[in-house]
Amino acid sequence: MASIAFFPFEFLGIPSVQCAFTSRRGGVSEPPHDSANLSFEVGDDDHAVRQNRRMLFKRFELTAWCECRQVHGDTLHVEPSPIAPEDMATLEGDGLATALPGTGLVIKTADCQPILMAHRSGRYVAGLHVGWRGNKLNFPKTGVRRFCETYGLDPKDIFAVRGPSLSPASAEFINFETDFGPAFAPYFDPDSKHMDLWRLTRDQLMDAGLPSEHIHSMDLCTMGRDDTFFSHRKACASPAGTTGRQAGFIWIKP
């Protein structure tokens, strides 16, 4: 059983908060979910998924695991009830927030953007799952607002990092007019039919009140690096037709 490879991230000046973005490398799942799939909802063997999740739970030294059944909406759950890593999530939504140390917030992706956020005090963290529908709903902004309103925080004190996801070079939308519409034209290249979702998310976070210097990114394209990451779009264009899910994790050190 190979350890699951991940990309760590730390917010400068907030040592109590840890972030990690997992890859598809390591773990025990078989093709086409090879091999570090973390989702029960993609047709993988449940036993393999449980092993992969338990491996990360121990590796990150978490005391609790919180996760949503993601539905491409704009609901953020505050202090959700934890589940065992071996259990499937039933709570529907696309955002999580907590002030409890040791609680890992888990955002599953395979092209969508995992956005992890922390307050400068290191006492509050949140995670958002933002696909293109989430961008259309302006979930980066509304998620920040709900996070701040709940804990009485100032958006100027929030830091965010966007993890590996679909890059502007790979985000093709041939039905832009119906998928997005004219309000999003500044982010769309009509010649290539590509959307710059990375820039859109950054602008939505800034519109929420985050200073530009507080917004970080891992500019790694999931579709362009499908040897390292799961990519839903790449899989849908292949004979397999399905793939696994990696995840962004954020937690406050116990």
C-alpha atoms as a PDB file:
ATOM      1  CA  MET A   1       0.000   0.000   0.000  1.00  0.00           C
ATOM      2  CA  ALA A   2       1.718   3.198  -1.213  1.00  0.00           C
ATOM      3  CA  SER A   3       1.329   6.436   0.723  1.00  0.00           C
ATOM      4  CA  ILE A   4      -0.922   8.985  -0.956  1.00  0.00           C
ATOM      5  CA  ALA A   5       1.057  11.866  -2.421  1.00  0.00           C
ATOM      6  CA  PHE A   6      -0.153  15.367  -1.604  1.00  0.00           C
ATOM      7  CA  PHE A   7       0.809  19.011  -1.988  1.00  0.00           C
ATOM      8  CA  PRO A   8       1.043  20.800   1.390  1.00  0.00           C
ATOM      9  CA  PHE A   9       0.289  24.499   1.802  1.00  0.00           C
ATOM     10  CA  GLU A  10       0.786  26.851   4.750  1.00  0.00           C
ATOM     11  CA  PHE A  11      -0.540  30.380   5.146  1.00  0.00           C
ATOM     12  CA  LEU A  12       2.383  32.600   6.111  1.00  0.00           C
ATOM     13  CA  GLY A  13       1.981  33.780   9.691  1.00  0.00           C
ATOM     14  CA  ILE A  14      -0.773  31.267  10.523  1.00  0.00           C
ATOM     15  CA  PRO A  15       1.202  28.236  11.742  1.00  0.00           C
ATOM     16  CA  SER A  16      -1.775  26.685  13.518  1.00  0.00           C
ATOM     17  CA  VAL A  17      -3.589  26.021  10.220  1.00  0.00           C
ATOM     18  CA  GLN A  18      -2.608  23.211   7.864  1.00  0.00           C
ATOM     19  CA  CYS A  19      -3.703  22.615   4.267  1.00  0.00           C
ATOM     20  CA  ALA A  20      -3.105  19.766   1.844  1.00  0.00           C
ATOM     21  CA  PHE A  21      -4.220  18.984  -1.687  1.00  0.00           C
ATOM     22  CA  THR A  22      -4.083  15.288  -2.482  1.00  0.00           C
ATOM     23  CA  SER A  23      -3.165  13.719  -5.812  1.00  0.00           C
ATOM     24  CA  ARG A  24      -4.244  10.494  -7.491  1.00  0.00           C
ATOM     25  CA  ARG A  25      -0.888   8.876  -6.727  1.00  0.00           C
ATOM     26  CA  GLY A  26      -0.569   6.226  -4.043  1.00  0.00           C
ATOM     27  CA  GLY A  27      -3.440   4.470  -2.322  1.00  0.00           C
ATOM     28  CA  VAL A  28      -5.086   1.190  -3.258  1.00  0.00           C
ATOM     29  CA  SER A  29      -7.879   1.837  -5.794  1.00  0.00           C
ATOM     30  CA  GLU A  30      -7.845  -0.003  -9.122  1.00  0.00           C
ATOM     31  CA  PRO A  31      -8.321   1.580 -12.570  1.00  0.00           C
ATOM     32  CA  PRO A  32     -10.074   3.750 -13.580  1.00  0.00           C
ATOM     33  CA  HIS A  33      -9.981   5.112 -10.012  1.00  0.00           C
ATOM     34  CA  ASP A  34      -6.280   4.488  -9.639  1.00  0.00           C
ATOM     35  CA  SER A  35      -5.185   4.823  -7.133  1.00  0.00           C
ATOM     36  CA  ALA A  36      -5.898   7.373  -4.409  1.00  0.00           C
ATOM     37  CA  ASN A  37      -9.611   7.900  -4.994  1.00  0.00           C
ATOM     38  CA  LEU A  38     -11.402   9.423  -1.963  1.00  0.00           C
ATOM     39  CA  SER A  39     -15.028   9.330  -3.159  1.00  0.00           C
ATOM     40  CA  PHE A  40     -17.662   6.650  -2.590  1.00  0.00           C
ATOM     41  CA  GLU A  41     -19.822   8.138  -5.366  1.00  0.00           C
ATOM     42  CA  VAL A  42     -17.836   7.265  -8.496  1.00  0.00           C
ATOM     43  CA  GLY A  43     -18.197   3.482  -8.689  1.00  0.00           C
ATOM     44  CA  ASP A  44     -14.980   2.546  -6.890  1.00  0.00           C
ATOM     45  CA  ASP A  45     -14.741  -0.413  -4.502  1.00  0.00           C
ATOM     46  CA  ASP A  46     -15.907   0.815  -1.094  1.00  0.00           C
ATOM     47  CA  HIS A  47     -13.185  -1.107   0.743  1.00  0.00           C
ATOM     48  CA  ALA A  48     -10.468   0.624  -1.282  1.00  0.00           C
ATOM     49  CA  VAL A  49     -12.019   4.042  -0.679  1.00  0.00           C
ATOM     50  CA  ARG A  50     -12.126   3.389   3.057  1.00  0.00           C
ATOM     51  CA  GLN A  51      -8.461   2.425   3.092  1.00  0.00           C
ATOM     52  CA  ASN A  52      -7.463   5.559   1.185  1.00  0.00           C
ATOM     53  CA  ARG A  53      -9.451   7.833   3.493  1.00  0.00           C
ATOM     54  CA  ARG A  54      -8.233   6.179   6.681  1.00  0.00           C
ATOM     55  CA  MET A  55      -4.648   6.516   5.421  1.00  0.00           C
ATOM     56  CA  LEU A  56      -4.990  10.290   5.136  1.00  0.00           C
ATOM     57  CA  PHE A  57      -6.894  10.612   8.417  1.00  0.00           C
ATOM     58  CA  LYS A  58      -3.934   9.043  10.208  1.00  0.00           C
ATOM     59  CA  ARG A  59      -1.283  10.828   8.127  1.00  0.00           C
ATOM     60  CA  PHE A  60      -2.734  14.280   8.908  1.00  0.00           C
ATOM     61  CA  GLU A  61      -3.321  13.330  12.560  1.00  0.00           C
ATOM     62  CA  LEU A  62      -6.945  14.453  12.428  1.00  0.00           C
ATOM     63  CA  THR A  63      -9.405  13.893  15.246  1.00  0.00           C
ATOM     64  CA  ALA A  64     -12.551  14.387  13.126  1.00  0.00           C
ATOM     65  CA  TRP A  65     -13.566  14.245   9.437  1.00  0.00           C
ATOM     66  CA  CYS A  66     -16.203  16.588   7.949  1.00  0.00           C
ATOM     67  CA  GLU A  67     -17.441  16.274   4.396  1.00  0.00           C
ATOM     68  CA  CYS A  68     -20.465  17.097   2.247  1.00  0.00           C
ATOM     69  CA  ARG A  69     -22.314  15.263  -0.446  1.00  0.00           C
ATOM     70  CA  GLN A  70     -21.405  17.955  -2.940  1.00  0.00           C
ATOM     71  CA  VAL A  71     -24.180  19.187  -5.230  1.00  0.00           C
ATOM     72  CA  HIS A  72     -22.682  22.198  -7.063  1.00  0.00           C
ATOM     73  CA  GLY A  73     -24.658  24.676  -4.973  1.00  0.00           C
ATOM     74  CA  ASP A  74     -23.836  27.514  -2.592  1.00  0.00           C
ATOM     75  CA  THR A  75     -24.670  26.127   0.846  1.00  0.00           C
ATOM     76  CA  LEU A  76     -22.000  26.408   3.547  1.00  0.00           C
ATOM     77  CA  HIS A  77     -22.444  24.326   6.702  1.00  0.00           C
ATOM     78  CA  VAL A  78     -21.039  25.731   9.943  1.00  0.00           C
ATOM     79  CA  GLU A  79     -19.743  23.282  12.567  1.00  0.00           C
ATOM     80  CA  PRO A  80     -21.187  20.239  10.781  1.00  0.00           C
ATOM     81  CA  SER A  81     -21.346  16.947  12.607  1.00  0.00           C
ATOM     82  CA  PRO A  82     -18.267  14.852  11.815  1.00  0.00           C
ATOM     83  CA  ILE A  83     -18.451  11.421  10.221  1.00  0.00           C
ATOM     84  CA  ALA A  84     -16.028   8.510  10.297  1.00  0.00           C
ATOM     85  CA  PRO A  85     -13.593   8.531   7.348  1.00  0.00           C
ATOM     86  CA  GLU A  86     -15.064   5.147   6.413  1.00  0.00           C
ATOM     87  CA  ASP A  87     -18.588   6.569   6.061  1.00  0.00           C
ATOM     88  CA  MET A  88     -20.293   8.199   3.089  1.00  0.00           C
ATOM     89  CA  ALA A  89     -21.410  11.799   3.549  1.00  0.00           C
ATOM     90  CA  THR A  90     -25.143  12.482   3.588  1.00  0.00           C
ATOM     91  CA  LEU A  91     -25.098  16.220   4.356  1.00  0.00           C
ATOM     92  CA  GLU A  92     -25.731  18.055   1.081  1.00  0.00           C
ATOM     93  CA  GLY A  93     -23.800  21.251   0.395  1.00  0.00           C
ATOM     94  CA  ASP A  94     -20.559  22.605  -0.978  1.00  0.00           C
ATOM     95  CA  GLY A  95     -18.956  24.446   1.921  1.00  0.00           C
ATOM     96  CA  LEU A  96     -17.814  23.739   5.460  1.00  0.00           C
ATOM     97  CA  ALA A  97     -16.532  25.894   8.323  1.00  0.00           C
ATOM     98  CA  THR A  98     -15.243  25.098  11.795  1.00  0.00           C
ATOM     99  CA  ALA A  99     -13.418  26.470  14.806  1.00  0.00           C
ATOM    100  CA  LEU A 100     -12.728  23.040  16.291  1.00  0.00           C
ATOM    101  CA  PRO A 101      -9.048  22.013  16.295  1.00  0.00           C
ATOM    102  CA  GLY A 102      -8.282  18.655  14.732  1.00  0.00           C
ATOM    103  CA  THR A 103     -11.378  18.702  12.509  1.00  0.00           C
ATOM    104  CA  GLY A 104     -10.458  18.132   8.887  1.00  0.00           C
ATOM    105  CA  LEU A 105     -12.699  19.829   6.327  1.00  0.00           C
ATOM    106  CA  VAL A 106     -12.684  17.749   3.127  1.00  0.00           C
ATOM    107  CA  ILE A 107     -13.451  19.222  -0.319  1.00  0.00           C
ATOM    108  CA  LYS A 108     -13.504  16.589  -3.080  1.00  0.00           C
ATOM    109  CA  THR A 109     -12.639  17.604  -6.653  1.00  0.00           C
ATOM    110  CA  ALA A 110     -11.748  16.337 -10.123  1.00  0.00           C
ATOM    111  CA  ASP A 111     -11.478  19.648 -12.087  1.00  0.00           C
ATOM    112  CA  CYS A 112     -13.549  21.901  -9.805  1.00  0.00           C
ATOM    113  CA  GLN A 113     -11.768  24.386  -7.581  1.00  0.00           C
ATOM    114  CA  PRO A 114     -11.094  23.574  -3.923  1.00  0.00           C
ATOM    115  CA  ILE A 115     -10.869  26.865  -2.027  1.00  0.00           C
ATOM    116  CA  LEU A 116      -9.464  26.701   1.505  1.00  0.00           C
ATOM    117  CA  MET A 117      -9.694  29.697   3.844  1.00  0.00           C
ATOM    118  CA  ALA A 118      -8.314  30.681   7.228  1.00  0.00           C
ATOM    119  CA  HIS A 119      -8.691  33.664   9.562  1.00  0.00           C
ATOM    120  CA  ARG A 120      -5.442  35.391  10.477  1.00  0.00           C
ATOM    121  CA  SER A 121      -5.928  34.306  14.111  1.00  0.00           C
ATOM    122  CA  GLY A 122      -5.710  30.665  13.075  1.00  0.00           C
ATOM    123  CA  ARG A 123      -8.872  29.934  15.043  1.00  0.00           C
ATOM    124  CA  TYR A 124     -11.353  29.609  12.138  1.00  0.00           C
ATOM    125  CA  VAL A 125     -11.139  27.739   8.837  1.00  0.00           C
ATOM    126  CA  ALA A 126     -13.443  26.980   5.908  1.00  0.00           C
ATOM    127  CA  GLY A 127     -13.446  25.051   2.653  1.00  0.00           C
ATOM    128  CA  LEU A 128     -15.489  25.598  -0.525  1.00  0.00           C
ATOM    129  CA  HIS A 129     -16.153  23.343  -3.510  1.00  0.00           C
ATOM    130  CA  VAL A 130     -16.461  25.665  -6.526  1.00  0.00           C
ATOM    131  CA  GLY A 131     -17.249  24.230  -9.922  1.00  0.00           C
ATOM    132  CA  TRP A 132     -18.315  26.485 -12.773  1.00  0.00           C
ATOM    133  CA  ARG A 133     -21.864  26.431 -11.393  1.00  0.00           C
ATOM    134  CA  GLY A 134     -20.467  27.630  -8.077  1.00  0.00           C
ATOM    135  CA  ASN A 135     -18.757  30.498  -9.873  1.00  0.00           C
ATOM    136  CA  LYS A 136     -22.020  31.342 -11.614  1.00  0.00           C
ATOM    137  CA  LEU A 137     -23.718  31.436  -8.181  1.00  0.00           C
ATOM    138  CA  ASN A 138     -20.833  33.585  -6.871  1.00  0.00           C
ATOM    139  CA  PHE A 139     -20.177  31.036  -4.138  1.00  0.00           C
ATOM    140  CA  PRO A 140     -16.666  32.384  -3.446  1.00  0.00           C
ATOM    141  CA  LYS A 141     -18.265  35.668  -2.339  1.00  0.00           C
ATOM    142  CA  THR A 142     -21.307  34.277  -0.532  1.00  0.00           C
ATOM    143  CA  GLY A 143     -19.218  31.593   1.134  1.00  0.00           C
ATOM    144  CA  VAL A 144     -16.842  34.210   2.534  1.00  0.00           C
ATOM    145  CA  ARG A 145     -19.772  36.304   3.710  1.00  0.00           C
ATOM    146  CA  ARG A 146     -21.407  33.411   5.558  1.00  0.00           C
ATOM    147  CA  PHE A 147     -18.066  32.374   7.088  1.00  0.00           C
ATOM    148  CA  CYS A 148     -17.412  35.896   8.348  1.00  0.00           C
ATOM    149  CA  GLU A 149     -20.944  36.578   9.558  1.00  0.00           C
ATOM    150  CA  THR A 150     -21.045  33.354  11.558  1.00  0.00           C
ATOM    151  CA  TYR A 151     -17.875  33.985  13.522  1.00  0.00           C
ATOM    152  CA  GLY A 152     -17.874  37.795  13.507  1.00  0.00           C
ATOM    153  CA  LEU A 153     -14.851  38.091  11.238  1.00  0.00           C
ATOM    154  CA  ASP A 154     -13.641  40.839   8.915  1.00  0.00           C
ATOM    155  CA  PRO A 155     -13.067  39.641   5.317  1.00  0.00           C
ATOM    156  CA  LYS A 156      -9.835  41.675   5.303  1.00  0.00           C
ATOM    157  CA  ASP A 157      -8.483  39.154   7.812  1.00  0.00           C
ATOM    158  CA  ILE A 158      -9.286  36.095   5.676  1.00  0.00           C
ATOM    159  CA  PHE A 159      -6.645  34.251   3.661  1.00  0.00           C
ATOM    160  CA  ALA A 160      -7.498  31.851   0.829  1.00  0.00           C
ATOM    161  CA  VAL A 161      -5.767  29.347  -1.410  1.00  0.00           C
ATOM    162  CA  ARG A 162      -7.169  27.755  -4.561  1.00  0.00           C
ATOM    163  CA  GLY A 163      -5.957  24.233  -5.223  1.00  0.00           C
ATOM    164  CA  PRO A 164      -5.331  22.273  -8.445  1.00  0.00           C
ATOM    165  CA  SER A 165      -8.229  22.571 -10.868  1.00  0.00           C
ATOM    166  CA  LEU A 166      -9.193  23.188 -14.475  1.00  0.00           C
ATOM    167  CA  SER A 167      -6.876  25.820 -15.950  1.00  0.00           C
ATOM    168  CA  PRO A 168      -7.925  28.564 -18.400  1.00  0.00           C
ATOM    169  CA  ALA A 169      -6.255  26.568 -21.188  1.00  0.00           C
ATOM    170  CA  SER A 170      -8.533  23.579 -20.507  1.00  0.00           C
ATOM    171  CA  ALA A 171     -11.821  25.167 -19.399  1.00  0.00           C
ATOM    172  CA  GLU A 172     -13.738  24.968 -22.686  1.00  0.00           C
ATOM    173  CA  PHE A 173     -17.388  26.039 -22.701  1.00  0.00           C
ATOM    174  CA  ILE A 174     -18.962  25.654 -26.119  1.00  0.00           C
ATOM    175  CA  ASN A 175     -22.343  26.651 -24.676  1.00  0.00           C
ATOM    176  CA  PHE A 176     -21.124  29.783 -22.916  1.00  0.00           C
ATOM    177  CA  GLU A 177     -24.291  31.765 -23.631  1.00  0.00           C
ATOM    178  CA  THR A 178     -26.520  29.283 -21.811  1.00  0.00           C
ATOM    179  CA  ASP A 179     -23.980  28.093 -19.224  1.00  0.00           C
ATOM    180  CA  PHE A 180     -22.880  31.572 -18.127  1.00  0.00           C
ATOM    181  CA  GLY A 181     -24.294  34.489 -20.098  1.00  0.00           C
ATOM    182  CA  PRO A 182     -23.108  38.008 -20.944  1.00  0.00           C
ATOM    183  CA  ALA A 183     -22.305  39.028 -17.354  1.00  0.00           C
ATOM    184  CA  PHE A 184     -19.310  36.680 -17.476  1.00  0.00           C
ATOM    185  CA  ALA A 185     -18.046  37.790 -20.903  1.00  0.00           C
ATOM    186  CA  PRO A 186     -14.860  39.407 -19.475  1.00  0.00           C
ATOM    187  CA  TYR A 187     -13.654  35.943 -18.478  1.00  0.00           C
ATOM    188  CA  PHE A 188     -14.502  34.224 -21.770  1.00  0.00           C
ATOM    189  CA  ASP A 189     -12.429  33.988 -24.953  1.00  0.00           C
ATOM    190  CA  PRO A 190     -14.930  33.620 -27.824  1.00  0.00           C
ATOM    191  CA  ASP A 191     -12.220  32.422 -30.205  1.00  0.00           C
ATOM    192  CA  SER A 192     -10.967  29.515 -28.108  1.00  0.00           C
ATOM    193  CA  LYS A 193     -14.271  29.051 -26.206  1.00  0.00           C
ATOM    194  CA  HIS A 194     -12.296  28.945 -22.960  1.00  0.00           C
ATOM    195  CA  MET A 195     -13.196  30.470 -19.583  1.00  0.00           C
ATOM    196  CA  ASP A 196     -10.671  31.809 -17.102  1.00  0.00           C
ATOM    197  CA  LEU A 197     -12.270  30.359 -13.991  1.00  0.00           C
ATOM    198  CA  TRP A 198      -9.118  31.007 -11.974  1.00  0.00           C
ATOM    199  CA  ARG A 199      -9.323  34.768 -12.570  1.00  0.00           C
ATOM    200  CA  LEU A 200     -13.078  34.734 -11.992  1.00  0.00           C
ATOM    201  CA  THR A 201     -12.651  33.087  -8.586  1.00  0.00           C
ATOM    202  CA  ARG A 202      -9.912  35.524  -7.621  1.00  0.00           C
ATOM    203  CA  ASP A 203     -12.114  38.492  -8.555  1.00  0.00           C
ATOM    204  CA  GLN A 204     -15.059  37.038  -6.618  1.00  0.00           C
ATOM    205  CA  LEU A 205     -12.887  36.593  -3.521  1.00  0.00           C
ATOM    206  CA  MET A 206     -11.621  40.155  -3.835  1.00  0.00           C
ATOM    207  CA  ASP A 207     -15.191  41.370  -4.262  1.00  0.00           C
ATOM    208  CA  ALA A 208     -15.951  39.560  -0.990  1.00  0.00           C
ATOM    209  CA  GLY A 209     -13.379  41.772   0.719  1.00  0.00           C
ATOM    210  CA  LEU A 210     -10.208  39.686   0.701  1.00  0.00           C
ATOM    211  CA  PRO A 211      -7.067  41.727  -0.047  1.00  0.00           C
ATOM    212  CA  SER A 212      -5.352  40.560  -3.225  1.00  0.00           C
ATOM    213  CA  GLU A 213      -2.211  39.661  -1.295  1.00  0.00           C
ATOM    214  CA  HIS A 214      -4.240  37.256   0.847  1.00  0.00           C
ATOM    215  CA  ILE A 215      -5.328  35.172  -2.155  1.00  0.00           C
ATOM    216  CA  HIS A 216      -2.990  32.339  -3.141  1.00  0.00           C
ATOM    217  CA  SER A 217      -3.173  29.656  -5.775  1.00  0.00           C
ATOM    218  CA  MET A 218      -1.673  26.382  -6.913  1.00  0.00           C
ATOM    219  CA  ASP A 219      -1.755  26.819 -10.658  1.00  0.00           C
ATOM    220  CA  LEU A 220      -1.754  23.111 -11.495  1.00  0.00           C
ATOM    221  CA  CYS A 221      -4.223  22.001 -14.160  1.00  0.00           C
ATOM    222  CA  THR A 222      -6.030  18.787 -13.312  1.00  0.00           C
ATOM    223  CA  MET A 223      -6.879  18.020 -16.927  1.00  0.00           C
ATOM    224  CA  GLY A 224      -3.418  18.872 -18.231  1.00  0.00           C
ATOM    225  CA  ARG A 225      -1.756  16.774 -15.532  1.00  0.00           C
ATOM    226  CA  ASP A 226      -4.097  13.809 -15.361  1.00  0.00           C
ATOM    227  CA  ASP A 227      -1.142  11.571 -14.501  1.00  0.00           C
ATOM    228  CA  THR A 228      -1.049  13.400 -11.165  1.00  0.00           C
ATOM    229  CA  PHE A 229      -4.687  14.423 -10.646  1.00  0.00           C
ATOM    230  CA  PHE A 230      -8.133  13.042 -11.353  1.00  0.00           C
ATOM    231  CA  SER A 231      -9.872  14.934 -14.167  1.00  0.00           C
ATOM    232  CA  HIS A 232     -13.580  14.442 -14.817  1.00  0.00           C
ATOM    233  CA  ARG A 233     -13.383  16.069 -18.228  1.00  0.00           C
ATOM    234  CA  LYS A 234     -10.460  13.943 -19.332  1.00  0.00           C
ATOM    235  CA  ALA A 235     -12.175  10.788 -18.094  1.00  0.00           C
ATOM    236  CA  CYS A 236     -15.448  11.601 -19.858  1.00  0.00           C
ATOM    237  CA  ALA A 237     -13.545  11.824 -23.138  1.00  0.00           C
ATOM    238  CA  SER A 238     -11.935   8.415 -22.570  1.00  0.00           C
ATOM    239  CA  PRO A 239     -13.333   4.868 -22.862  1.00  0.00           C
ATOM    240  CA  ALA A 240     -13.361   4.590 -19.038  1.00  0.00           C
ATOM    241  CA  GLY A 241     -15.925   7.367 -18.735  1.00  0.00           C
ATOM    242  CA  THR A 242     -15.307   7.787 -15.012  1.00  0.00           C
ATOM    243  CA  THR A 243     -12.503   8.561 -12.590  1.00  0.00           C
ATOM    244  CA  GLY A 244     -11.801   9.201  -8.919  1.00  0.00           C
ATOM    245  CA  ARG A 245     -11.684  12.281  -6.730  1.00  0.00           C
ATOM    246  CA  GLN A 246      -8.816  13.948  -4.894  1.00  0.00           C
ATOM    247  CA  ALA A 247      -9.475  16.427  -2.087  1.00  0.00           C
ATOM    248  CA  GLY A 248      -8.410  19.626  -0.446  1.00  0.00           C
ATOM    249  CA  PHE A 249      -8.018  19.357   3.343  1.00  0.00           C
ATOM    250  CA  ILE A 250      -7.832  22.178   5.871  1.00  0.00           C
ATOM    251  CA  TRP A 251      -7.646  21.873   9.639  1.00  0.00           C
ATOM    252  CA  ILE A 252      -6.560  23.659  12.785  1.00  0.00           C
ATOM    253  CA  LYS A 253      -3.771  21.824  14.565  1.00  0.00           C
ATOM    254  CA  PRO A 254      -5.000  20.120  17.772  1.00  0.00           C
END
